Amino acid sequence: MSVEIIKVENSKQLKTFIRFNYELYKENPYSVPDLYEDTVNTLRKDRNAAFEFCEADYFLAYRNGKVVGRIAAIINHRANEKWGKKTARFGWVDFIDDNEVVDALFATAEKWARERGMTEIEGPLGFTDLDPEGMLIEGFDRLGTMATIYNHPYYPEHMQRLGFAKAADWVEFMFRVPEERWEKAVRVSAIVERKYNLRIVKCKSRSELARRYGRQMFELINECYAELHGYSELSEKQIEQYIKMYLPIIDMRLASFIVDKDDNLIGIGVSIYSMSEALRKAKGKLFPFGWWHLAKALFFKQPKRLDFLLVAIKPEYQNKGVFAMMFNDLLGSFIDMGFIDVESNPELEDNKKMLSQWDSFDKDQHKRRRAFRKEI
């Protein structure tokens, strides 16, 4: 019953690595599978611009010829340089509830890290903050989202058994969409717009959005997220990659862009239809028929739930009512389009400026996830 660890060396093994998550969770009603095609692009060294400053290897655990676990070992050299650390990351980690399997996977990742001069290992983390991160520790009975990790309750128990400790926590909220706009938000929005000479811009098409504000969006993310846990600045190639990846799926009605008098982007809020049920029906794959479930959710029978994908407000405008201006803009669309609730997606628990923005909402803090760290 010994465990064999195999390093992923070819496309067939990479497919096995990616699809193990689906096989492990296919009967679970709360897990949302990754979109296979997107995950391939993230993990392949010739397709992900993060490999300019990252290195990684992927490992599969086998027992009696059957896959029983997986783990990615990653080093983000840019983040280590910024934060003055020698940290390896683990991500894309899944395993059956078996001590021998878990021990073998983490021993492999830790050995890999030590051989490269690292002194600690932390995760689950991706290559950058735009990859899914954080192990679920609360909310196992809540439906996941396309941007987050779902895992069984026994995962954090194994992390503690192996000597890992808390590095950071993220919290997630579910918000009820009100039946009508808030008078206070309308009033505050008008005051902020006038006081700081700001305005909301509406692009007529995604191509116009990409041309006018695509690069500014990710430059703003770099500025706003700079001091958040483990963040590393997006490179020029990454920005180009994300413009092509994310802007085509934005529904212009569900995004808000705020600019100053010189047309400089100072705030963005982007939400998307919840793709959780569609991805479950598609089994995480576009082909041969998965595309239909995703297209149906996007264009024909949209879900009544939204995922708030990201919020970024220029530091000097935070806590000055810009978030109220942004959400007032979005709320009209949420109400008109018949949405019932909005999932916040993860926010660092110590990001008080961001968390305080939600204080006025009817909300439920329904999930918590954690990055674990261990000296090696």
Protein backbone atom coordinates (compact mmCIF):
# COMPACT_ATOMS: atom_id res chain seq x y z
CA MET A 1 0.00 0.00 0.00
CA SER A 2 2.99 2.35 -0.45
CA VAL A 3 2.57 5.73 -2.13
CA GLU A 4 4.49 6.56 -5.29
CA ILE A 5 5.13 10.21 -6.24
CA ILE A 6 5.44 10.98 -9.96
CA LYS A 7 6.58 14.34 -11.36
CA VAL A 8 4.40 15.64 -14.19
CA GLU A 9 6.52 15.53 -17.36
CA ASN A 10 4.09 15.55 -20.29
CA SER A 11 0.65 16.72 -21.42
CA LYS A 12 -1.04 13.42 -20.58
CA GLN A 13 0.19 13.60 -17.00
CA LEU A 14 -0.80 17.28 -16.80
CA LYS A 15 -4.33 16.34 -17.86
CA THR A 16 -4.40 13.70 -15.11
CA PHE A 17 -3.11 16.28 -12.62
CA ILE A 18 -5.86 18.77 -13.53
CA ARG A 19 -8.74 16.31 -13.71
CA PHE A 20 -7.96 14.63 -10.38
CA ASN A 21 -9.79 17.49 -8.66
CA TYR A 22 -12.93 16.78 -10.68
CA GLU A 23 -12.75 13.05 -9.99
CA LEU A 24 -12.31 13.63 -6.25
CA TYR A 25 -15.25 16.05 -6.02
CA LYS A 26 -17.65 14.95 -8.76
CA GLU A 27 -20.23 13.75 -6.21
CA ASN A 28 -19.86 16.80 -3.97
CA PRO A 29 -22.77 19.30 -4.35
CA TYR A 30 -20.71 22.34 -3.30
CA SER A 31 -17.52 21.98 -5.34
CA VAL A 32 -17.17 23.98 -8.57
CA PRO A 33 -14.62 22.51 -10.99
CA ASP A 34 -11.96 24.65 -12.64
CA LEU A 35 -12.45 25.28 -16.33
CA TYR A 36 -10.01 22.74 -17.74
CA GLU A 37 -8.84 24.87 -20.64
CA ASP A 38 -8.04 27.84 -18.38
CA THR A 39 -6.13 25.64 -15.94
CA VAL A 40 -4.01 24.19 -18.74
CA ASN A 41 -3.07 27.73 -19.78
CA THR A 42 -2.17 28.60 -16.19
CA LEU A 43 -0.01 25.54 -15.53
CA ARG A 44 1.81 25.29 -18.85
CA LYS A 45 5.14 27.10 -18.78
CA ASP A 46 4.83 28.18 -22.42
CA ARG A 47 1.42 29.83 -21.89
CA ASN A 48 1.54 31.58 -18.53
CA ALA A 49 3.43 34.88 -18.45
CA ALA A 50 4.07 34.42 -14.71
CA PHE A 51 6.87 32.00 -15.60
CA GLU A 52 8.96 35.08 -16.40
CA PHE A 53 9.62 35.23 -12.65
CA CYS A 54 8.23 31.95 -11.31
CA GLU A 55 9.33 28.33 -11.40
CA ALA A 56 7.15 25.32 -10.64
CA ASP A 57 6.80 21.56 -10.78
CA TYR A 58 3.73 19.38 -10.35
CA PHE A 59 3.49 16.02 -8.61
CA LEU A 60 0.98 13.18 -8.56
CA ALA A 61 0.58 10.60 -5.80
CA TYR A 62 -0.29 7.06 -6.86
CA ARG A 63 -1.27 3.99 -4.90
CA ASN A 64 -1.73 0.67 -6.68
CA GLY A 65 -1.81 2.49 -10.01
CA LYS A 66 -4.56 4.92 -8.95
CA VAL A 67 -4.15 8.67 -8.46
CA VAL A 68 -4.78 9.58 -4.82
CA GLY A 69 -3.32 13.10 -4.59
CA ARG A 70 -1.64 16.04 -6.32
CA ILE A 71 0.40 19.12 -5.41
CA ALA A 72 2.10 21.99 -7.25
CA ALA A 73 5.38 23.38 -5.87
CA ILE A 74 5.98 27.02 -6.88
CA ILE A 75 8.51 29.76 -6.27
CA ASN A 76 7.54 33.33 -7.12
CA HIS A 77 10.96 35.01 -7.18
CA ARG A 78 9.47 38.49 -7.65
CA ALA A 79 7.35 38.16 -4.49
CA ASN A 80 10.31 36.79 -2.52
CA GLU A 81 12.46 39.72 -3.62
CA LYS A 82 9.76 42.23 -2.71
CA TRP A 83 9.03 40.77 0.73
CA GLY A 84 12.61 39.71 1.53
CA LYS A 85 11.75 36.06 2.01
CA LYS A 86 12.72 32.62 0.78
CA THR A 87 9.23 31.18 0.46
CA ALA A 88 8.04 28.34 -1.69
CA ARG A 89 4.34 28.05 -2.43
CA PHE A 90 2.15 24.99 -2.72
CA GLY A 91 -1.05 25.05 -4.73
CA TRP A 92 -3.47 22.91 -6.73
CA VAL A 93 -3.34 20.52 -3.78
CA ASP A 94 -5.86 17.70 -3.39
CA PHE A 95 -5.71 14.37 -1.64
CA ILE A 96 -7.74 11.55 -0.17
CA ASP A 97 -8.06 11.43 3.61
CA ASP A 98 -4.94 9.35 4.22
CA ASN A 99 -1.90 10.31 6.30
CA GLU A 100 0.56 8.40 4.13
CA VAL A 101 -0.63 10.14 0.96
CA VAL A 102 -0.59 13.61 2.52
CA ASP A 103 2.82 13.07 4.10
CA ALA A 104 4.32 11.91 0.80
CA LEU A 105 2.93 14.86 -1.15
CA PHE A 106 4.16 17.52 1.29
CA ALA A 107 7.50 15.82 1.86
CA THR A 108 8.04 16.01 -1.90
CA ALA A 109 7.09 19.69 -2.11
CA GLU A 110 9.23 20.59 0.90
CA LYS A 111 12.25 18.71 -0.46
CA TRP A 112 11.81 20.47 -3.82
CA ALA A 113 11.74 23.82 -2.01
CA ARG A 114 14.79 23.13 0.17
CA GLU A 115 16.82 22.06 -2.87
CA ARG A 116 16.19 25.55 -4.28
CA GLY A 117 17.28 27.35 -1.13
CA MET A 118 13.84 28.09 0.33
CA THR A 119 13.36 28.22 4.10
CA GLU A 120 9.56 28.08 4.35
CA ILE A 121 6.55 26.86 2.40
CA GLU A 122 3.11 28.47 2.26
CA GLY A 123 -0.22 27.81 0.59
CA PRO A 124 -2.51 27.10 -1.04
CA LEU A 125 -1.31 29.93 -3.27
CA GLY A 126 -1.01 30.29 -7.03
CA PHE A 127 1.59 32.01 -9.12
CA THR A 128 -0.02 35.41 -8.40
CA ASP A 129 -2.99 36.84 -6.48
CA LEU A 130 -5.19 36.43 -9.55
CA ASP A 131 -4.98 32.65 -9.14
CA PRO A 132 -7.23 30.87 -6.61
CA GLU A 133 -5.74 30.90 -3.11
CA GLY A 134 -6.60 29.92 0.44
CA MET A 135 -7.84 26.60 1.87
CA LEU A 136 -11.47 26.58 2.94
CA ILE A 137 -11.79 26.28 6.74
CA GLU A 138 -15.43 27.46 7.15
CA GLY A 139 -18.39 27.19 4.78
CA PHE A 140 -18.05 23.62 3.56
CA ASP A 141 -21.83 23.49 3.01
CA ARG A 142 -21.89 26.55 0.71
CA LEU A 143 -21.59 26.47 -3.06
CA GLY A 144 -18.16 27.50 -4.30
CA THR A 145 -17.37 29.98 -7.06
CA MET A 146 -15.30 29.79 -10.25
CA ALA A 147 -12.61 31.99 -8.66
CA THR A 148 -12.12 30.06 -5.42
CA ILE A 149 -10.93 26.72 -4.07
CA TYR A 150 -13.27 24.16 -2.53
CA ASN A 151 -11.89 21.41 -0.32
CA HIS A 152 -13.05 18.76 2.11
CA PRO A 153 -13.12 19.56 5.87
CA TYR A 154 -10.29 17.09 6.49
CA TYR A 155 -7.76 19.19 4.56
CA PRO A 156 -7.05 21.79 7.31
CA GLU A 157 -6.87 18.96 9.87
CA HIS A 158 -3.95 17.49 7.93
CA MET A 159 -2.28 20.90 7.69
CA GLN A 160 -2.32 21.22 11.47
CA ARG A 161 -1.08 17.64 11.88
CA LEU A 162 1.89 18.44 9.62
CA GLY A 163 2.84 21.46 11.73
CA PHE A 164 1.53 24.23 9.49
CA ALA A 165 0.26 27.45 11.11
CA LYS A 166 -1.93 30.31 9.96
CA ALA A 167 -0.27 32.77 7.58
CA ALA A 168 -3.36 34.71 6.44
CA ASP A 169 -7.15 34.41 6.38
CA TRP A 170 -9.66 35.57 3.81
CA VAL A 171 -13.37 36.05 4.53
CA GLU A 172 -16.25 35.93 2.07
CA PHE A 173 -19.72 37.47 2.22
CA MET A 174 -23.09 36.91 0.63
CA PHE A 175 -25.10 40.10 0.10
CA ARG A 176 -28.81 40.46 -0.57
CA VAL A 177 -29.65 42.81 -3.43
CA PRO A 178 -32.13 45.42 -2.14
CA GLU A 179 -35.42 45.98 -3.94
CA GLU A 180 -34.60 49.61 -4.70
CA ARG A 181 -31.66 52.00 -4.66
CA TRP A 182 -30.61 53.43 -1.32
CA GLU A 183 -31.30 57.14 -0.95
CA LYS A 184 -28.11 57.52 1.10
CA ALA A 185 -25.99 55.92 -1.65
CA VAL A 186 -27.57 58.17 -4.28
CA ARG A 187 -26.90 61.23 -2.14
CA VAL A 188 -23.31 60.24 -1.24
CA SER A 189 -22.57 59.40 -4.86
CA ALA A 190 -23.62 62.86 -6.01
CA ILE A 191 -21.55 64.55 -3.30
CA VAL A 192 -18.41 62.51 -4.07
CA GLU A 193 -18.74 63.06 -7.80
CA ARG A 194 -18.99 66.80 -7.34
CA LYS A 195 -16.40 67.16 -4.56
CA TYR A 196 -13.60 65.24 -6.30
CA ASN A 197 -14.58 65.97 -9.90
CA LEU A 198 -15.12 62.30 -10.69
CA ARG A 199 -17.39 60.63 -13.19
CA ILE A 200 -18.57 57.19 -14.16
CA VAL A 201 -17.72 56.15 -17.69
CA LYS A 202 -19.72 53.70 -19.79
CA CYS A 203 -17.94 52.02 -22.67
CA LYS A 204 -20.10 50.91 -25.57
CA SER A 205 -18.13 47.74 -26.22
CA ARG A 206 -15.47 45.49 -24.77
CA SER A 207 -13.05 46.58 -27.48
CA GLU A 208 -13.51 50.22 -26.42
CA LEU A 209 -12.97 49.18 -22.79
CA ALA A 210 -9.76 47.33 -23.69
CA ARG A 211 -8.47 50.26 -25.75
CA ARG A 212 -9.25 53.01 -23.24
CA TYR A 213 -8.86 51.35 -19.86
CA GLY A 214 -7.54 47.80 -20.25
CA ARG A 215 -3.98 48.57 -19.24
CA GLN A 216 -5.08 51.13 -16.64
CA MET A 217 -7.24 48.46 -14.95
CA PHE A 218 -4.31 46.20 -14.15
CA GLU A 219 -1.96 49.07 -13.34
CA LEU A 220 -4.58 50.17 -10.80
CA ILE A 221 -4.73 46.62 -9.39
CA ASN A 222 -0.94 46.66 -9.02
CA GLU A 223 -1.14 49.91 -7.09
CA CYS A 224 -4.11 48.97 -4.89
CA TYR A 225 -2.99 45.45 -4.05
CA ALA A 226 0.71 46.27 -3.56
CA GLU A 227 0.71 45.86 0.23
CA LEU A 228 -1.63 42.88 0.44
CA HIS A 229 -0.33 39.54 1.66
CA GLY A 230 2.30 38.09 -0.65
CA TYR A 231 1.37 40.26 -3.63
CA SER A 232 3.78 40.52 -6.56
CA GLU A 233 3.36 43.15 -9.24
CA LEU A 234 1.88 42.01 -12.54
CA SER A 235 4.37 42.22 -15.40
CA GLU A 236 3.71 43.78 -18.79
CA LYS A 237 3.25 40.34 -20.35
CA GLN A 238 0.83 39.34 -17.61
CA ILE A 239 -1.19 42.50 -18.11
CA GLU A 240 -1.43 41.78 -21.84
CA GLN A 241 -2.46 38.21 -21.03
CA TYR A 242 -5.14 39.23 -18.53
CA ILE A 243 -6.59 41.87 -20.86
CA LYS A 244 -7.19 39.11 -23.42
CA MET A 245 -8.42 36.66 -20.77
CA TYR A 246 -10.80 38.74 -18.66
CA LEU A 247 -12.13 41.66 -20.69
CA PRO A 248 -14.01 39.49 -23.25
CA ILE A 249 -16.24 38.02 -20.48
CA ILE A 250 -17.22 41.34 -18.89
CA ASP A 251 -20.86 42.36 -19.23
CA MET A 252 -20.65 46.15 -19.44
CA ARG A 253 -23.81 46.50 -17.34
CA LEU A 254 -22.14 44.69 -14.45
CA ALA A 255 -18.94 46.72 -14.30
CA SER A 256 -18.28 50.23 -13.03
CA PHE A 257 -15.37 52.45 -14.04
CA ILE A 258 -14.69 55.76 -12.28
CA VAL A 259 -12.28 58.32 -13.68
CA ASP A 260 -10.97 61.73 -12.63
CA LYS A 261 -11.12 64.95 -14.64
CA ASP A 262 -8.15 63.79 -16.76
CA ASP A 263 -9.77 60.46 -17.64
CA ASN A 264 -7.42 58.54 -15.34
CA LEU A 265 -8.99 55.41 -13.88
CA ILE A 266 -9.27 55.71 -10.09
CA GLY A 267 -11.80 52.98 -9.28
CA ILE A 268 -13.16 49.76 -10.79
CA GLY A 269 -15.76 47.25 -9.71
CA VAL A 270 -16.32 44.17 -11.84
CA SER A 271 -18.98 41.55 -11.24
CA ILE A 272 -19.94 38.57 -13.40
CA TYR A 273 -22.78 36.09 -13.55
CA SER A 274 -22.21 33.22 -11.15
CA MET A 275 -20.90 30.40 -13.34
CA SER A 276 -20.91 27.84 -10.52
CA GLU A 277 -23.88 25.74 -11.64
CA ALA A 278 -22.89 26.01 -15.31
CA LEU A 279 -19.37 24.77 -14.57
CA ARG A 280 -20.77 21.88 -12.55
CA LYS A 281 -23.04 20.87 -15.45
CA ALA A 282 -20.15 21.27 -17.91
CA LYS A 283 -17.94 19.11 -15.66
CA GLY A 284 -15.30 21.82 -15.95
CA LYS A 285 -14.76 21.39 -19.70
CA LEU A 286 -15.75 23.38 -22.77
CA PHE A 287 -15.79 20.39 -25.10
CA PRO A 288 -17.60 18.54 -26.42
CA PHE A 289 -20.80 19.99 -24.87
CA GLY A 290 -19.72 22.02 -21.85
CA TRP A 291 -19.68 25.25 -23.85
CA TRP A 292 -23.47 25.08 -24.12
CA HIS A 293 -23.98 25.23 -20.34
CA LEU A 294 -21.62 28.21 -20.07
CA ALA A 295 -23.19 30.02 -23.03
CA LYS A 296 -26.65 29.43 -21.60
CA ALA A 297 -25.64 31.03 -18.30
CA LEU A 298 -24.03 33.99 -20.07
CA PHE A 299 -26.55 34.74 -22.79
CA PHE A 300 -29.87 32.92 -22.44
CA LYS A 301 -30.86 32.01 -18.89
CA GLN A 302 -28.66 33.99 -16.58
CA PRO A 303 -28.43 32.94 -12.93
CA LYS A 304 -29.87 35.18 -10.22
CA ARG A 305 -26.57 35.28 -8.36
CA LEU A 306 -23.52 37.43 -9.10
CA ASP A 307 -19.86 37.03 -8.22
CA PHE A 308 -18.11 40.28 -7.34
CA LEU A 309 -14.89 39.51 -9.16
CA LEU A 310 -12.74 42.45 -8.08
CA VAL A 311 -12.76 45.92 -6.57
CA ALA A 312 -9.87 48.36 -6.76
CA ILE A 313 -9.91 52.00 -5.63
CA LYS A 314 -6.84 54.22 -5.85
CA PRO A 315 -5.37 54.52 -2.33
CA GLU A 316 -5.84 58.29 -2.02
CA TYR A 317 -9.56 57.90 -2.80
CA GLN A 318 -10.27 55.07 -0.35
CA ASN A 319 -12.71 55.83 2.49
CA LYS A 320 -13.90 58.93 0.63
CA GLY A 321 -17.21 57.58 -0.66
CA VAL A 322 -15.92 56.32 -4.03
CA PHE A 323 -17.08 52.79 -3.21
CA ALA A 324 -20.60 54.12 -2.57
CA MET A 325 -20.46 55.90 -5.92
CA MET A 326 -19.39 52.68 -7.61
CA PHE A 327 -21.94 50.47 -5.93
CA ASN A 328 -24.74 52.95 -6.54
CA ASP A 329 -23.87 52.74 -10.23
CA LEU A 330 -23.95 48.93 -10.19
CA LEU A 331 -27.00 48.58 -7.99
CA GLY A 332 -29.32 49.92 -10.69
CA SER A 333 -28.23 47.12 -13.02
CA PHE A 334 -28.45 44.49 -10.27
CA ILE A 335 -32.05 45.49 -9.53
CA ASP A 336 -33.13 45.93 -13.15
CA MET A 337 -31.65 42.56 -14.15
CA GLY A 338 -33.38 40.74 -11.30
CA PHE A 339 -30.39 39.53 -9.29
CA ILE A 340 -31.09 38.25 -5.80
CA ASP A 341 -27.69 38.06 -4.15
CA VAL A 342 -24.02 38.81 -4.67
CA GLU A 343 -20.99 36.75 -3.59
CA SER A 344 -18.07 38.95 -2.53
CA ASN A 345 -15.29 36.40 -3.15
CA PRO A 346 -12.28 36.45 -0.76
CA GLU A 347 -11.15 39.56 1.12
CA LEU A 348 -8.17 39.49 3.47
CA GLU A 349 -9.45 39.74 7.04
CA ASP A 350 -6.90 42.46 7.86
CA ASN A 351 -7.82 44.59 4.83
CA LYS A 352 -9.94 46.83 7.02
CA LYS A 353 -10.40 49.55 4.40
CA MET A 354 -12.06 47.12 2.01
CA LEU A 355 -14.07 45.25 4.60
CA SER A 356 -15.48 48.48 6.05
CA GLN A 357 -17.03 49.26 2.67
CA TRP A 358 -19.52 46.41 3.18
CA ASP A 359 -20.72 47.52 6.63
CA SER A 360 -23.96 49.05 5.36
CA PHE A 361 -25.06 45.94 3.47
CA ASP A 362 -27.36 43.13 4.50
CA LYS A 363 -24.69 40.44 4.49
CA ASP A 364 -23.69 37.04 5.79
CA GLN A 365 -20.02 36.20 6.35
CA HIS A 366 -20.43 32.62 5.18
CA LYS A 367 -16.94 31.37 4.27
CA ARG A 368 -13.39 31.64 5.55
CA ARG A 369 -10.21 30.35 3.96
CA ARG A 370 -6.61 30.21 5.11
CA ALA A 371 -3.06 30.18 3.81
CA PHE A 372 -0.88 27.90 5.95
CA ARG A 373 2.88 28.37 6.49
CA LYS A 374 5.64 26.13 7.79
CA GLU A 375 9.40 26.49 8.19
CA ILE A 376 11.37 23.84 6.33
